[in-house]
Amino acid sequence: MTIKWLEGKIIKVMNRTYELVLILDPEVKEAEQEKLLTKIKKQITDSEGKIVETKQWGRKELAYPLAKKRAGVFYILNFGLSAERVSPLKQKIQLEDTVLRFLLVVKETPSAKATGDRGR
């Protein structure tokens, strides 16, 4: 939780937990993939976010072609970030040429599932 000053009032900004799935171009070298991941992680941490976990799923065949590619390299990032900083992050990911597709969702916490809350 972050406390901010807005129009003479103190407000609390809650960080949500997000899960980002990236499908990268399989023809790009591993060093370039790592460079892109480092760039995305830096954008998250520069936005006062916190990286929780990063997983590489590796190269997988796709059910249908994306940008004329039959395979992709999958990565999953779990991180915490305030809601107002998500939109600029998504825009920056969309501009990356090596990202074939991505999915960014709010990750539910176990206690939120029990109460019906979705990370708000």
N, C-alpha and C. Protein backbone atom coordinates (compact mmCIF):
# COMPACT_ATOMS: atom_id res chain seq x y z
N MET A 1 0.84 -1.16 0.00
CA MET A 1 0.00 0.00 0.00
C MET A 1 0.90 1.24 0.00
N THR A 2 0.52 2.21 -0.81
CA THR A 2 1.25 3.46 -0.91
C THR A 2 0.32 4.59 -0.46
N ILE A 3 0.87 5.54 0.27
CA ILE A 3 0.09 6.69 0.71
C ILE A 3 0.52 7.88 -0.13
N LYS A 4 -0.48 8.58 -0.73
CA LYS A 4 -0.18 9.72 -1.58
C LYS A 4 -1.01 10.93 -1.14
N TRP A 5 -0.51 12.09 -1.51
CA TRP A 5 -1.18 13.35 -1.21
C TRP A 5 -1.84 13.82 -2.50
N LEU A 6 -3.17 13.99 -2.49
CA LEU A 6 -3.91 14.41 -3.68
C LEU A 6 -4.92 15.46 -3.30
N GLU A 7 -4.79 16.64 -3.86
CA GLU A 7 -5.72 17.75 -3.65
C GLU A 7 -5.99 18.00 -2.17
N GLY A 8 -4.91 18.06 -1.40
CA GLY A 8 -5.05 18.38 0.02
C GLY A 8 -5.52 17.22 0.88
N LYS A 9 -5.62 16.02 0.31
CA LYS A 9 -6.08 14.85 1.07
C LYS A 9 -5.05 13.74 0.95
N ILE A 10 -4.96 12.97 2.00
CA ILE A 10 -4.10 11.79 1.97
C ILE A 10 -4.96 10.62 1.51
N ILE A 11 -4.49 9.93 0.47
CA ILE A 11 -5.22 8.76 -0.02
C ILE A 11 -4.31 7.55 0.00
N LYS A 12 -4.90 6.39 0.11
CA LYS A 12 -4.15 5.14 0.10
C LYS A 12 -4.33 4.50 -1.27
N VAL A 13 -3.23 4.13 -1.89
CA VAL A 13 -3.25 3.46 -3.18
C VAL A 13 -2.82 2.02 -2.96
N MET A 14 -3.71 1.11 -3.23
CA MET A 14 -3.43 -0.31 -3.01
C MET A 14 -2.70 -0.90 -4.22
N ASN A 15 -1.68 -1.65 -3.97
CA ASN A 15 -1.01 -2.40 -5.03
C ASN A 15 -1.75 -3.69 -5.25
N ARG A 16 -1.93 -4.03 -6.51
CA ARG A 16 -2.55 -5.30 -6.86
C ARG A 16 -1.46 -6.25 -7.33
N THR A 17 -1.76 -7.53 -7.29
CA THR A 17 -0.84 -8.53 -7.79
C THR A 17 -1.29 -8.90 -9.20
N TYR A 18 -0.34 -8.86 -10.13
CA TYR A 18 -0.63 -9.15 -11.53
C TYR A 18 0.17 -10.33 -12.01
N GLU A 19 -0.35 -10.98 -13.04
CA GLU A 19 0.36 -12.04 -13.73
C GLU A 19 0.45 -11.65 -15.20
N LEU A 20 1.67 -11.64 -15.72
CA LEU A 20 1.92 -11.28 -17.11
C LEU A 20 2.48 -12.49 -17.83
N VAL A 21 1.78 -12.92 -18.89
CA VAL A 21 2.25 -14.02 -19.73
C VAL A 21 2.72 -13.41 -21.04
N LEU A 22 3.96 -13.67 -21.40
CA LEU A 22 4.54 -13.15 -22.64
C LEU A 22 4.81 -14.31 -23.59
N ILE A 23 4.48 -14.12 -24.87
CA ILE A 23 4.88 -15.07 -25.91
C ILE A 23 5.82 -14.31 -26.81
N LEU A 24 7.08 -14.74 -26.82
CA LEU A 24 8.11 -14.06 -27.59
C LEU A 24 8.42 -14.81 -28.88
N ASP A 25 8.93 -14.07 -29.84
CA ASP A 25 9.33 -14.62 -31.13
C ASP A 25 10.43 -15.67 -30.91
N PRO A 26 10.23 -16.91 -31.39
CA PRO A 26 11.22 -17.97 -31.15
C PRO A 26 12.51 -17.79 -31.95
N GLU A 27 12.49 -16.94 -32.96
CA GLU A 27 13.68 -16.73 -33.78
C GLU A 27 14.65 -15.73 -33.17
N VAL A 28 14.22 -15.05 -32.13
CA VAL A 28 15.08 -14.08 -31.45
C VAL A 28 16.03 -14.83 -30.52
N LYS A 29 17.27 -14.41 -30.50
CA LYS A 29 18.28 -15.08 -29.67
C LYS A 29 17.95 -14.93 -28.19
N GLU A 30 18.42 -15.90 -27.41
CA GLU A 30 18.14 -15.92 -25.97
C GLU A 30 18.67 -14.67 -25.27
N ALA A 31 19.78 -14.14 -25.71
CA ALA A 31 20.33 -12.92 -25.12
C ALA A 31 19.39 -11.73 -25.32
N GLU A 32 18.76 -11.67 -26.49
CA GLU A 32 17.80 -10.59 -26.76
C GLU A 32 16.52 -10.77 -25.93
N GLN A 33 16.12 -12.03 -25.72
CA GLN A 33 14.95 -12.30 -24.87
C GLN A 33 15.22 -11.85 -23.44
N GLU A 34 16.40 -12.17 -22.93
CA GLU A 34 16.77 -11.76 -21.58
C GLU A 34 16.84 -10.24 -21.47
N LYS A 35 17.33 -9.60 -22.51
CA LYS A 35 17.41 -8.13 -22.54
C LYS A 35 16.00 -7.52 -22.46
N LEU A 36 15.06 -8.10 -23.20
CA LEU A 36 13.67 -7.63 -23.16
C LEU A 36 13.05 -7.83 -21.78
N LEU A 37 13.28 -9.01 -21.19
CA LEU A 37 12.74 -9.28 -19.85
C LEU A 37 13.32 -8.32 -18.82
N THR A 38 14.60 -8.03 -18.92
CA THR A 38 15.24 -7.08 -18.02
C THR A 38 14.62 -5.69 -18.19
N LYS A 39 14.33 -5.32 -19.42
CA LYS A 39 13.72 -4.02 -19.72
C LYS A 39 12.31 -3.93 -19.10
N ILE A 40 11.52 -4.99 -19.23
CA ILE A 40 10.16 -5.01 -18.67
C ILE A 40 10.22 -4.98 -17.14
N LYS A 41 11.12 -5.76 -16.56
CA LYS A 41 11.28 -5.76 -15.10
C LYS A 41 11.69 -4.39 -14.59
N LYS A 42 12.55 -3.71 -15.32
CA LYS A 42 12.99 -2.37 -14.94
C LYS A 42 11.82 -1.38 -14.99
N GLN A 43 10.98 -1.52 -16.01
CA GLN A 43 9.80 -0.66 -16.10
C GLN A 43 8.87 -0.86 -14.91
N ILE A 44 8.73 -2.10 -14.47
CA ILE A 44 7.88 -2.40 -13.32
C ILE A 44 8.48 -1.81 -12.05
N THR A 45 9.77 -2.04 -11.83
CA THR A 45 10.40 -1.53 -10.60
C THR A 45 10.51 -0.01 -10.61
N ASP A 46 10.71 0.60 -11.78
CA ASP A 46 10.74 2.06 -11.87
C ASP A 46 9.37 2.67 -11.57
N SER A 47 8.31 1.89 -11.77
CA SER A 47 6.94 2.34 -11.48
C SER A 47 6.53 1.99 -10.06
N GLU A 48 7.52 1.76 -9.19
CA GLU A 48 7.30 1.41 -7.79
C GLU A 48 6.62 0.06 -7.62
N GLY A 49 6.85 -0.83 -8.57
CA GLY A 49 6.32 -2.18 -8.48
C GLY A 49 7.34 -3.13 -7.88
N LYS A 50 6.90 -4.35 -7.61
CA LYS A 50 7.77 -5.35 -7.01
C LYS A 50 7.60 -6.67 -7.76
N ILE A 51 8.70 -7.18 -8.30
CA ILE A 51 8.70 -8.47 -9.00
C ILE A 51 8.66 -9.57 -7.95
N VAL A 52 7.66 -10.46 -8.06
CA VAL A 52 7.53 -11.56 -7.11
C VAL A 52 8.19 -12.82 -7.65
N GLU A 53 7.94 -13.11 -8.93
CA GLU A 53 8.44 -14.37 -9.49
C GLU A 53 8.53 -14.26 -11.01
N THR A 54 9.53 -14.91 -11.58
CA THR A 54 9.68 -14.99 -13.04
C THR A 54 9.92 -16.45 -13.41
N LYS A 55 9.14 -16.94 -14.37
CA LYS A 55 9.30 -18.32 -14.83
C LYS A 55 9.46 -18.34 -16.34
N GLN A 56 10.31 -19.22 -16.82
CA GLN A 56 10.43 -19.44 -18.24
C GLN A 56 9.81 -20.79 -18.55
N TRP A 57 8.78 -20.78 -19.38
CA TRP A 57 8.14 -22.04 -19.78
C TRP A 57 8.84 -22.66 -20.97
N GLY A 58 9.62 -21.86 -21.68
CA GLY A 58 10.36 -22.39 -22.81
C GLY A 58 9.58 -22.30 -24.11
N ARG A 59 10.12 -22.96 -25.11
CA ARG A 59 9.52 -22.93 -26.45
C ARG A 59 8.37 -23.92 -26.52
N LYS A 60 7.23 -23.45 -27.00
CA LYS A 60 6.03 -24.29 -27.14
C LYS A 60 5.43 -24.08 -28.53
N GLU A 61 4.85 -25.13 -29.05
CA GLU A 61 4.12 -25.02 -30.31
C GLU A 61 2.78 -24.33 -30.04
N LEU A 62 2.38 -23.47 -30.96
CA LEU A 62 1.13 -22.72 -30.80
C LEU A 62 -0.01 -23.45 -31.50
N ALA A 63 -1.22 -23.26 -31.02
CA ALA A 63 -2.39 -23.89 -31.62
C ALA A 63 -2.68 -23.31 -33.00
N TYR A 64 -2.35 -22.04 -33.18
CA TYR A 64 -2.51 -21.38 -34.47
C TYR A 64 -1.39 -20.34 -34.60
N PRO A 65 -1.05 -19.97 -35.82
CA PRO A 65 0.09 -19.05 -36.02
C PRO A 65 -0.19 -17.65 -35.48
N LEU A 66 0.84 -17.06 -34.88
CA LEU A 66 0.82 -15.66 -34.47
C LEU A 66 1.92 -14.97 -35.26
N ALA A 67 1.57 -13.96 -36.05
CA ALA A 67 2.53 -13.24 -36.89
C ALA A 67 3.34 -14.23 -37.74
N LYS A 68 2.65 -15.23 -38.28
CA LYS A 68 3.23 -16.26 -39.15
C LYS A 68 4.26 -17.14 -38.44
N LYS A 69 4.19 -17.20 -37.12
CA LYS A 69 5.08 -18.07 -36.33
C LYS A 69 4.25 -19.21 -35.77
N ARG A 70 4.78 -20.42 -35.86
CA ARG A 70 4.08 -21.61 -35.37
C ARG A 70 4.46 -21.98 -33.94
N ALA A 71 5.49 -21.30 -33.39
CA ALA A 71 5.95 -21.58 -32.03
C ALA A 71 6.24 -20.25 -31.34
N GLY A 72 6.38 -20.31 -30.03
CA GLY A 72 6.71 -19.12 -29.26
C GLY A 72 7.44 -19.51 -27.98
N VAL A 73 8.16 -18.55 -27.42
CA VAL A 73 8.85 -18.76 -26.15
C VAL A 73 8.03 -18.07 -25.07
N PHE A 74 7.61 -18.85 -24.07
CA PHE A 74 6.70 -18.35 -23.04
C PHE A 74 7.45 -17.96 -21.77
N TYR A 75 7.04 -16.84 -21.19
CA TYR A 75 7.53 -16.36 -19.90
C TYR A 75 6.34 -15.93 -19.07
N ILE A 76 6.44 -16.12 -17.75
CA ILE A 76 5.41 -15.66 -16.82
C ILE A 76 6.09 -14.79 -15.76
N LEU A 77 5.52 -13.61 -15.53
CA LEU A 77 6.01 -12.71 -14.49
C LEU A 77 4.86 -12.43 -13.53
N ASN A 78 5.11 -12.61 -12.25
CA ASN A 78 4.17 -12.22 -11.20
C ASN A 78 4.76 -11.01 -10.50
N PHE A 79 3.94 -9.96 -10.34
CA PHE A 79 4.46 -8.73 -9.74
C PHE A 79 3.33 -7.94 -9.10
N GLY A 80 3.71 -7.05 -8.20
CA GLY A 80 2.77 -6.14 -7.56
C GLY A 80 2.96 -4.75 -8.14
N LEU A 81 1.85 -4.05 -8.41
CA LEU A 81 1.91 -2.72 -9.01
C LEU A 81 0.59 -2.00 -8.75
N SER A 82 0.65 -0.69 -8.61
CA SER A 82 -0.59 0.07 -8.42
C SER A 82 -1.34 0.13 -9.75
N ALA A 83 -2.65 0.20 -9.66
CA ALA A 83 -3.52 0.10 -10.83
C ALA A 83 -3.29 1.20 -11.85
N GLU A 84 -2.96 2.41 -11.39
CA GLU A 84 -2.80 3.51 -12.35
C GLU A 84 -1.52 3.39 -13.18
N ARG A 85 -0.63 2.50 -12.82
CA ARG A 85 0.64 2.35 -13.54
C ARG A 85 0.62 1.17 -14.52
N VAL A 86 -0.50 0.47 -14.60
CA VAL A 86 -0.60 -0.70 -15.47
C VAL A 86 -0.73 -0.31 -16.94
N SER A 87 -1.53 0.69 -17.21
CA SER A 87 -1.78 1.10 -18.60
C SER A 87 -0.49 1.52 -19.33
N PRO A 88 0.36 2.35 -18.73
CA PRO A 88 1.62 2.68 -19.42
C PRO A 88 2.51 1.45 -19.66
N LEU A 89 2.50 0.51 -18.72
CA LEU A 89 3.28 -0.72 -18.89
C LEU A 89 2.76 -1.51 -20.09
N LYS A 90 1.45 -1.65 -20.19
CA LYS A 90 0.86 -2.38 -21.32
C LYS A 90 1.20 -1.72 -22.65
N GLN A 91 1.18 -0.40 -22.68
CA GLN A 91 1.51 0.32 -23.91
C GLN A 91 2.96 0.06 -24.33
N LYS A 92 3.86 0.03 -23.36
CA LYS A 92 5.27 -0.21 -23.67
C LYS A 92 5.49 -1.63 -24.17
N ILE A 93 4.77 -2.60 -23.60
CA ILE A 93 4.90 -3.99 -24.05
C ILE A 93 4.37 -4.13 -25.47
N GLN A 94 3.26 -3.45 -25.77
CA GLN A 94 2.69 -3.52 -27.12
C GLN A 94 3.63 -3.00 -28.19
N LEU A 95 4.52 -2.09 -27.84
CA LEU A 95 5.45 -1.52 -28.80
C LEU A 95 6.67 -2.40 -29.09
N GLU A 96 6.84 -3.44 -28.31
CA GLU A 96 7.98 -4.34 -28.49
C GLU A 96 7.73 -5.28 -29.68
N ASP A 97 8.67 -5.31 -30.62
CA ASP A 97 8.53 -6.14 -31.82
C ASP A 97 8.65 -7.63 -31.55
N THR A 98 9.43 -8.00 -30.54
CA THR A 98 9.67 -9.43 -30.29
C THR A 98 8.55 -10.09 -29.51
N VAL A 99 7.60 -9.32 -28.99
CA VAL A 99 6.46 -9.88 -28.26
C VAL A 99 5.36 -10.20 -29.26
N LEU A 100 5.07 -11.50 -29.43
CA LEU A 100 4.01 -11.92 -30.34
C LEU A 100 2.64 -11.66 -29.72
N ARG A 101 2.52 -11.95 -28.43
CA ARG A 101 1.25 -11.77 -27.72
C ARG A 101 1.54 -11.71 -26.24
N PHE A 102 0.69 -11.01 -25.49
CA PHE A 102 0.83 -10.99 -24.03
C PHE A 102 -0.54 -10.93 -23.40
N LEU A 103 -0.60 -11.36 -22.15
CA LEU A 103 -1.84 -11.32 -21.37
C LEU A 103 -1.47 -10.84 -19.98
N LEU A 104 -2.16 -9.81 -19.53
CA LEU A 104 -1.92 -9.24 -18.20
C LEU A 104 -3.23 -9.29 -17.43
N VAL A 105 -3.24 -10.03 -16.32
CA VAL A 105 -4.45 -10.18 -15.52
C VAL A 105 -4.15 -9.90 -14.06
N VAL A 106 -5.21 -9.51 -13.33
CA VAL A 106 -5.10 -9.34 -11.89
C VAL A 106 -5.14 -10.74 -11.29
N LYS A 107 -4.18 -11.04 -10.46
CA LYS A 107 -4.09 -12.36 -9.84
C LYS A 107 -4.85 -12.33 -8.52
N GLU A 108 -5.76 -13.24 -8.37
CA GLU A 108 -6.54 -13.31 -7.14
C GLU A 108 -5.72 -13.92 -6.02
N THR A 109 -5.90 -13.38 -4.83
CA THR A 109 -5.26 -13.95 -3.64
C THR A 109 -6.19 -15.01 -3.06
N PRO A 110 -5.67 -15.98 -2.31
CA PRO A 110 -6.54 -17.01 -1.74
C PRO A 110 -7.65 -16.44 -0.87
N SER A 111 -7.38 -15.38 -0.10
CA SER A 111 -8.41 -14.79 0.74
C SER A 111 -9.46 -14.06 -0.10
N ALA A 112 -9.05 -13.52 -1.24
CA ALA A 112 -9.99 -12.82 -2.13
C ALA A 112 -10.96 -13.81 -2.77
N LYS A 113 -10.49 -15.02 -3.06
CA LYS A 113 -11.37 -16.03 -3.63
C LYS A 113 -12.47 -16.40 -2.66
N ALA A 114 -12.12 -16.48 -1.37
CA ALA A 114 -13.10 -16.85 -0.37
C ALA A 114 -14.16 -15.77 -0.17
N THR A 115 -13.74 -14.49 -0.25
CA THR A 115 -14.69 -13.40 -0.02
C THR A 115 -15.33 -12.88 -1.29
N GLY A 116 -14.82 -13.31 -2.45
CA GLY A 116 -15.38 -12.84 -3.71
C GLY A 116 -14.75 -11.56 -4.21
N ASP A 117 -13.73 -11.05 -3.51
CA ASP A 117 -13.03 -9.84 -3.92
C ASP A 117 -11.99 -10.21 -4.96
N ARG A 118 -11.77 -9.31 -5.97
CA ARG A 118 -10.81 -9.62 -7.02
C ARG A 118 -9.60 -8.70 -6.94
N GLY A 119 -8.98 -8.60 -5.79
CA GLY A 119 -7.76 -7.83 -5.66
C GLY A 119 -7.99 -6.34 -5.49
N ARG A 120 -9.18 -5.91 -5.22
CA ARG A 120 -9.47 -4.49 -5.07
C ARG A 120 -9.42 -4.07 -3.64
